[in-house]
PDB file of all heavy atoms in Angstrom:
ATOM      1  N   ASN A   1      -7.899  -7.062   9.810  1.00  0.00           N
ATOM      2  CA  ASN A   1      -7.678  -6.065   8.766  1.00  0.00           C
ATOM      3  C   ASN A   1      -7.586  -4.653   9.347  1.00  0.00           C
ATOM      4  O   ASN A   1      -8.264  -4.326  10.317  1.00  0.00           O
ATOM      5  CB  ASN A   1      -8.810  -6.122   7.734  1.00  0.00           C
ATOM      6  CG  ASN A   1      -8.798  -7.419   6.950  1.00  0.00           C
ATOM      7  OD1 ASN A   1      -7.725  -7.963   6.675  1.00  0.00           O
ATOM      8  ND2 ASN A   1      -9.964  -7.926   6.606  1.00  0.00           N
ATOM      9  N   ASN A   2      -6.761  -3.806   8.738  1.00  0.00           N
ATOM     10  CA  ASN A   2      -6.631  -2.422   9.184  1.00  0.00           C
ATOM     11  C   ASN A   2      -7.662  -1.558   8.453  1.00  0.00           C
ATOM     12  O   ASN A   2      -8.338  -2.030   7.525  1.00  0.00           O
ATOM     13  CB  ASN A   2      -5.206  -1.906   8.958  1.00  0.00           C
ATOM     14  CG  ASN A   2      -4.795  -1.916   7.497  1.00  0.00           C
ATOM     15  OD1 ASN A   2      -5.589  -1.611   6.620  1.00  0.00           O
ATOM     16  ND2 ASN A   2      -3.542  -2.275   7.232  1.00  0.00           N
ATOM     17  N   PRO A   3      -7.810  -0.256   8.847  1.00  0.00           N
ATOM     18  CA  PRO A   3      -8.833   0.593   8.225  1.00  0.00           C
ATOM     19  C   PRO A   3      -8.744   0.671   6.707  1.00  0.00           C
ATOM     20  O   PRO A   3      -9.777   0.673   6.032  1.00  0.00           O
ATOM     21  CB  PRO A   3      -8.597   1.948   8.887  1.00  0.00           C
ATOM     22  CG  PRO A   3      -8.068   1.612  10.246  1.00  0.00           C
ATOM     23  CD  PRO A   3      -7.192   0.420  10.018  1.00  0.00           C
ATOM     24  N   ALA A   4      -7.539   0.759   6.176  1.00  0.00           N
ATOM     25  CA  ALA A   4      -7.390   0.843   4.723  1.00  0.00           C
ATOM     26  C   ALA A   4      -7.893  -0.424   4.044  1.00  0.00           C
ATOM     27  O   ALA A   4      -8.603  -0.376   3.029  1.00  0.00           O
ATOM     28  CB  ALA A   4      -5.926   1.100   4.356  1.00  0.00           C
ATOM     29  N   GLU A   5      -7.533  -1.571   4.619  1.00  0.00           N
ATOM     30  CA  GLU A   5      -7.959  -2.853   4.045  1.00  0.00           C
ATOM     31  C   GLU A   5      -9.468  -3.037   4.172  1.00  0.00           C
ATOM     32  O   GLU A   5     -10.123  -3.542   3.248  1.00  0.00           O
ATOM     33  CB  GLU A   5      -7.224  -3.991   4.751  1.00  0.00           C
ATOM     34  CG  GLU A   5      -5.718  -4.013   4.463  1.00  0.00           C
ATOM     35  CD  GLU A   5      -4.956  -4.953   5.378  1.00  0.00           C
ATOM     36  OE1 GLU A   5      -5.434  -5.187   6.528  1.00  0.00           O
ATOM     37  OE2 GLU A   5      -3.888  -5.447   4.978  1.00  0.00           O
ATOM     38  N   ILE A   6     -10.011  -2.615   5.311  1.00  0.00           N
ATOM     39  CA  ILE A   6     -11.458  -2.726   5.511  1.00  0.00           C
ATOM     40  C   ILE A   6     -12.193  -1.829   4.521  1.00  0.00           C
ATOM     41  O   ILE A   6     -13.193  -2.230   3.907  1.00  0.00           O
ATOM     42  CB  ILE A   6     -11.839  -2.344   6.957  1.00  0.00           C
ATOM     43  CG1 ILE A   6     -11.230  -3.340   7.953  1.00  0.00           C
ATOM     44  CG2 ILE A   6     -13.361  -2.310   7.126  1.00  0.00           C
ATOM     45  CD1 ILE A   6     -11.395  -2.948   9.407  1.00  0.00           C
ATOM     46  N   GLY A   7     -11.683  -0.583   4.368  1.00  0.00           N
ATOM     47  CA  GLY A   7     -12.307   0.344   3.439  1.00  0.00           C
ATOM     48  C   GLY A   7     -12.317  -0.179   2.008  1.00  0.00           C
ATOM     49  O   GLY A   7     -13.319  -0.073   1.294  1.00  0.00           O
ATOM     50  N   GLU A   8     -11.201  -0.761   1.606  1.00  0.00           N
ATOM     51  CA  GLU A   8     -11.106  -1.308   0.249  1.00  0.00           C
ATOM     52  C   GLU A   8     -12.090  -2.454   0.053  1.00  0.00           C
ATOM     53  O   GLU A   8     -12.737  -2.570  -0.986  1.00  0.00           O
ATOM     54  CB  GLU A   8      -9.673  -1.788  -0.013  1.00  0.00           C
ATOM     55  CG  GLU A   8      -9.458  -2.310  -1.429  1.00  0.00           C
ATOM     56  CD  GLU A   8      -8.020  -2.729  -1.666  1.00  0.00           C
ATOM     57  OE1 GLU A   8      -7.194  -2.594  -0.731  1.00  0.00           O
ATOM     58  OE2 GLU A   8      -7.714  -3.183  -2.783  1.00  0.00           O
ATOM     59  N   LYS A   9     -12.229  -3.274   1.070  1.00  0.00           N
ATOM     60  CA  LYS A   9     -13.113  -4.439   0.949  1.00  0.00           C
ATOM     61  C   LYS A   9     -14.584  -4.040   0.960  1.00  0.00           C
ATOM     62  O   LYS A   9     -15.406  -4.649   0.267  1.00  0.00           O
ATOM     63  CB  LYS A   9     -12.820  -5.416   2.088  1.00  0.00           C
ATOM     64  CG  LYS A   9     -13.558  -6.741   1.978  1.00  0.00           C
ATOM     65  CD  LYS A   9     -13.029  -7.750   2.981  1.00  0.00           C
ATOM     66  CE  LYS A   9     -13.696  -9.099   2.792  1.00  0.00           C
ATOM     67  NZ  LYS A   9     -13.183 -10.121   3.742  1.00  0.00           N
ATOM     68  N   LEU A  10     -14.919  -3.013   1.745  1.00  0.00           N
ATOM     69  CA  LEU A  10     -16.324  -2.607   1.887  1.00  0.00           C
ATOM     70  C   LEU A  10     -16.686  -1.410   1.014  1.00  0.00           C
ATOM     71  O   LEU A  10     -17.813  -0.911   1.080  1.00  0.00           O
ATOM     72  CB  LEU A  10     -16.625  -2.282   3.358  1.00  0.00           C
ATOM     73  CG  LEU A  10     -16.425  -3.419   4.368  1.00  0.00           C
ATOM     74  CD1 LEU A  10     -16.799  -2.954   5.783  1.00  0.00           C
ATOM     75  CD2 LEU A  10     -17.258  -4.642   3.984  1.00  0.00           C
ATOM     76  N   PHE A  11     -15.702  -0.925   0.236  1.00  0.00           N
ATOM     77  CA  PHE A  11     -15.914   0.200  -0.672  1.00  0.00           C
ATOM     78  C   PHE A  11     -16.309   1.476   0.078  1.00  0.00           C
ATOM     79  O   PHE A  11     -17.247   2.192  -0.305  1.00  0.00           O
ATOM     80  CB  PHE A  11     -16.975  -0.144  -1.739  1.00  0.00           C
ATOM     81  CG  PHE A  11     -16.613  -1.350  -2.564  1.00  0.00           C
ATOM     82  CD1 PHE A  11     -17.216  -2.573  -2.298  1.00  0.00           C
ATOM     83  CD2 PHE A  11     -15.651  -1.284  -3.561  1.00  0.00           C
ATOM     84  CE1 PHE A  11     -16.888  -3.695  -3.038  1.00  0.00           C
ATOM     85  CE2 PHE A  11     -15.326  -2.404  -4.321  1.00  0.00           C
ATOM     86  CZ  PHE A  11     -15.928  -3.614  -4.040  1.00  0.00           C
ATOM     87  N   ILE A  12     -15.600   1.752   1.150  1.00  0.00           N
ATOM     88  CA  ILE A  12     -15.771   2.988   1.912  1.00  0.00           C
ATOM     89  C   ILE A  12     -14.385   3.528   2.237  1.00  0.00           C
ATOM     90  O   ILE A  12     -13.384   2.802   2.156  1.00  0.00           O
ATOM     91  CB  ILE A  12     -16.584   2.781   3.213  1.00  0.00           C
ATOM     92  CG1 ILE A  12     -15.946   1.687   4.078  1.00  0.00           C
ATOM     93  CG2 ILE A  12     -18.028   2.443   2.903  1.00  0.00           C
ATOM     94  CD1 ILE A  12     -16.669   1.434   5.389  1.00  0.00           C
ATOM     95  N   SER A  13     -14.301   4.793   2.604  1.00  0.00           N
ATOM     96  CA  SER A  13     -13.004   5.405   2.870  1.00  0.00           C
ATOM     97  C   SER A  13     -12.466   4.964   4.236  1.00  0.00           C
ATOM     98  O   SER A  13     -13.239   4.596   5.127  1.00  0.00           O
ATOM     99  CB  SER A  13     -13.129   6.925   2.856  1.00  0.00           C
ATOM    100  OG  SER A  13     -13.821   7.376   4.009  1.00  0.00           O
ATOM    101  N   PRO A  14     -11.146   5.007   4.407  1.00  0.00           N
ATOM    102  CA  PRO A  14     -10.569   4.668   5.720  1.00  0.00           C
ATOM    103  C   PRO A  14     -11.113   5.554   6.840  1.00  0.00           C
ATOM    104  O   PRO A  14     -11.292   5.081   7.970  1.00  0.00           O
ATOM    105  CB  PRO A  14      -9.068   4.894   5.501  1.00  0.00           C
ATOM    106  CG  PRO A  14      -8.867   4.661   4.044  1.00  0.00           C
ATOM    107  CD  PRO A  14     -10.099   5.211   3.390  1.00  0.00           C
ATOM    108  N   ASN A  15     -11.383   6.831   6.555  1.00  0.00           N
ATOM    109  CA  ASN A  15     -11.945   7.714   7.584  1.00  0.00           C
ATOM    110  C   ASN A  15     -13.341   7.260   7.999  1.00  0.00           C
ATOM    111  O   ASN A  15     -13.703   7.324   9.178  1.00  0.00           O
ATOM    112  CB  ASN A  15     -11.996   9.161   7.079  1.00  0.00           C
ATOM    113  CG  ASN A  15     -10.632   9.826   7.111  1.00  0.00           C
ATOM    114  OD1 ASN A  15      -9.738   9.390   7.844  1.00  0.00           O
ATOM    115  ND2 ASN A  15     -10.464  10.867   6.309  1.00  0.00           N
ATOM    116  N   THR A  16     -14.126   6.811   7.027  1.00  0.00           N
ATOM    117  CA  THR A  16     -15.451   6.280   7.356  1.00  0.00           C
ATOM    118  C   THR A  16     -15.320   5.022   8.199  1.00  0.00           C
ATOM    119  O   THR A  16     -16.094   4.804   9.139  1.00  0.00           O
ATOM    120  CB  THR A  16     -16.242   5.971   6.068  1.00  0.00           C
ATOM    121  OG1 THR A  16     -16.395   7.173   5.317  1.00  0.00           O
ATOM    122  CG2 THR A  16     -17.619   5.408   6.394  1.00  0.00           C
ATOM    123  N   VAL A  17     -14.328   4.196   7.866  1.00  0.00           N
ATOM    124  CA  VAL A  17     -14.070   2.991   8.674  1.00  0.00           C
ATOM    125  C   VAL A  17     -13.758   3.392  10.109  1.00  0.00           C
ATOM    126  O   VAL A  17     -14.298   2.802  11.063  1.00  0.00           O
ATOM    127  CB  VAL A  17     -12.905   2.173   8.083  1.00  0.00           C
ATOM    128  CG1 VAL A  17     -12.528   1.032   9.045  1.00  0.00           C
ATOM    129  CG2 VAL A  17     -13.268   1.621   6.726  1.00  0.00           C
ATOM    130  N   ARG A  18     -12.901   4.404  10.285  1.00  0.00           N
ATOM    131  CA  ARG A  18     -12.530   4.836  11.635  1.00  0.00           C
ATOM    132  C   ARG A  18     -13.746   5.355  12.402  1.00  0.00           C
ATOM    133  O   ARG A  18     -13.862   5.144  13.609  1.00  0.00           O
ATOM    134  CB  ARG A  18     -11.441   5.900  11.557  1.00  0.00           C
ATOM    135  CG  ARG A  18     -10.106   5.368  11.030  1.00  0.00           C
ATOM    136  CD  ARG A  18      -9.001   6.411  11.105  1.00  0.00           C
ATOM    137  NE  ARG A  18      -7.759   5.892  10.563  1.00  0.00           N
ATOM    138  CZ  ARG A  18      -7.371   6.043   9.296  1.00  0.00           C
ATOM    139  NH1 ARG A  18      -8.139   6.744   8.444  1.00  0.00           N
ATOM    140  NH2 ARG A  18      -6.229   5.538   8.864  1.00  0.00           N
ATOM    141  N   THR A  19     -14.651   6.012  11.708  1.00  0.00           N
ATOM    142  CA  THR A  19     -15.881   6.478  12.351  1.00  0.00           C
ATOM    143  C   THR A  19     -16.712   5.290  12.841  1.00  0.00           C
ATOM    144  O   THR A  19     -17.224   5.291  13.967  1.00  0.00           O
ATOM    145  CB  THR A  19     -16.726   7.318  11.373  1.00  0.00           C
ATOM    146  OG1 THR A  19     -15.985   8.471  10.993  1.00  0.00           O
ATOM    147  CG2 THR A  19     -18.035   7.757  12.029  1.00  0.00           C
ATOM    148  N   HIS A  20     -16.832   4.270  11.996  1.00  0.00           N
ATOM    149  CA  HIS A  20     -17.565   3.063  12.396  1.00  0.00           C
ATOM    150  C   HIS A  20     -16.880   2.376  13.585  1.00  0.00           C
ATOM    151  O   HIS A  20     -17.546   1.894  14.515  1.00  0.00           O
ATOM    152  CB  HIS A  20     -17.669   2.088  11.226  1.00  0.00           C
ATOM    153  CG  HIS A  20     -18.637   2.505  10.159  1.00  0.00           C
ATOM    154  ND1 HIS A  20     -19.925   2.899  10.426  1.00  0.00           N
ATOM    155  CD2 HIS A  20     -18.489   2.592   8.810  1.00  0.00           C
ATOM    156  CE1 HIS A  20     -20.546   3.201   9.296  1.00  0.00           C
ATOM    157  NE2 HIS A  20     -19.689   3.026   8.298  1.00  0.00           N
ATOM    158  N   VAL A  21     -15.552   2.326  13.549  1.00  0.00           N
ATOM    159  CA  VAL A  21     -14.800   1.698  14.643  1.00  0.00           C
ATOM    160  C   VAL A  21     -15.054   2.438  15.955  1.00  0.00           C
ATOM    161  O   VAL A  21     -15.296   1.817  17.004  1.00  0.00           O
ATOM    162  CB  VAL A  21     -13.292   1.665  14.324  1.00  0.00           C
ATOM    163  CG1 VAL A  21     -12.497   1.227  15.562  1.00  0.00           C
ATOM    164  CG2 VAL A  21     -13.016   0.708  13.161  1.00  0.00           C
ATOM    165  N   ASN A  22     -15.032   3.759  15.907  1.00  0.00           N
ATOM    166  CA  ASN A  22     -15.290   4.547  17.116  1.00  0.00           C
ATOM    167  C   ASN A  22     -16.700   4.294  17.641  1.00  0.00           C
ATOM    168  O   ASN A  22     -16.919   4.200  18.863  1.00  0.00           O
ATOM    169  CB  ASN A  22     -15.101   6.038  16.833  1.00  0.00           C
ATOM    170  CG  ASN A  22     -13.639   6.417  16.670  1.00  0.00           C
ATOM    171  OD1 ASN A  22     -12.760   5.745  17.201  1.00  0.00           O
ATOM    172  ND2 ASN A  22     -13.374   7.480  15.938  1.00  0.00           N
ATOM    173  N   ASN A  23     -17.666   4.166  16.739  1.00  0.00           N
ATOM    174  CA  ASN A  23     -19.035   3.870  17.157  1.00  0.00           C
ATOM    175  C   ASN A  23     -19.145   2.478  17.778  1.00  0.00           C
ATOM    176  O   ASN A  23     -19.882   2.275  18.747  1.00  0.00           O
ATOM    177  CB  ASN A  23     -19.993   3.977  15.963  1.00  0.00           C
ATOM    178  CG  ASN A  23     -20.196   5.405  15.511  1.00  0.00           C
ATOM    179  OD1 ASN A  23     -20.014   6.341  16.289  1.00  0.00           O
ATOM    180  ND2 ASN A  23     -20.568   5.592  14.251  1.00  0.00           N
ATOM    181  N   ILE A  24     -18.399   1.533  17.214  1.00  0.00           N
ATOM    182  CA  ILE A  24     -18.385   0.170  17.763  1.00  0.00           C
ATOM    183  C   ILE A  24     -17.817   0.187  19.181  1.00  0.00           C
ATOM    184  O   ILE A  24     -18.383  -0.414  20.099  1.00  0.00           O
ATOM    185  CB  ILE A  24     -17.561  -0.771  16.856  1.00  0.00           C
ATOM    186  CG1 ILE A  24     -18.300  -0.995  15.535  1.00  0.00           C
ATOM    187  CG2 ILE A  24     -17.303  -2.110  17.551  1.00  0.00           C
ATOM    188  CD1 ILE A  24     -17.452  -1.673  14.474  1.00  0.00           C
ATOM    189  N   TYR A  25     -16.695   0.877  19.370  1.00  0.00           N
ATOM    190  CA  TYR A  25     -16.096   0.985  20.695  1.00  0.00           C
ATOM    191  C   TYR A  25     -17.102   1.571  21.690  1.00  0.00           C
ATOM    192  O   TYR A  25     -17.244   1.090  22.816  1.00  0.00           O
ATOM    193  CB  TYR A  25     -14.861   1.885  20.661  1.00  0.00           C
ATOM    194  CG  TYR A  25     -13.625   1.287  20.017  1.00  0.00           C
ATOM    195  CD1 TYR A  25     -12.486   2.052  19.834  1.00  0.00           C
ATOM    196  CD2 TYR A  25     -13.608  -0.031  19.580  1.00  0.00           C
ATOM    197  CE1 TYR A  25     -11.340   1.521  19.245  1.00  0.00           C
ATOM    198  CE2 TYR A  25     -12.479  -0.562  18.992  1.00  0.00           C
ATOM    199  CZ  TYR A  25     -11.348   0.210  18.822  1.00  0.00           C
ATOM    200  OH  TYR A  25     -10.228  -0.324  18.238  1.00  0.00           O
ATOM    201  N   LYS A  26     -17.794   2.623  21.247  1.00  0.00           N
ATOM    202  CA  LYS A  26     -18.749   3.291  22.140  1.00  0.00           C
ATOM    203  C   LYS A  26     -19.905   2.374  22.523  1.00  0.00           C
ATOM    204  O   LYS A  26     -20.272   2.286  23.694  1.00  0.00           O
ATOM    205  CB  LYS A  26     -19.286   4.555  21.453  1.00  0.00           C
ATOM    206  CG  LYS A  26     -20.223   5.374  22.329  1.00  0.00           C
ATOM    207  CD  LYS A  26     -20.660   6.649  21.614  1.00  0.00           C
ATOM    208  CE  LYS A  26     -21.613   7.453  22.493  1.00  0.00           C
ATOM    209  NZ  LYS A  26     -22.054   8.701  21.817  1.00  0.00           N
TER     210      LYS A  26
END
């Protein structure tokens, strides 16, 4: 799933998803 799809599923914004993704990478 892409950030928009993840955000919709988890009820968070795509930008918040990207923040989580960056933290996961780190």
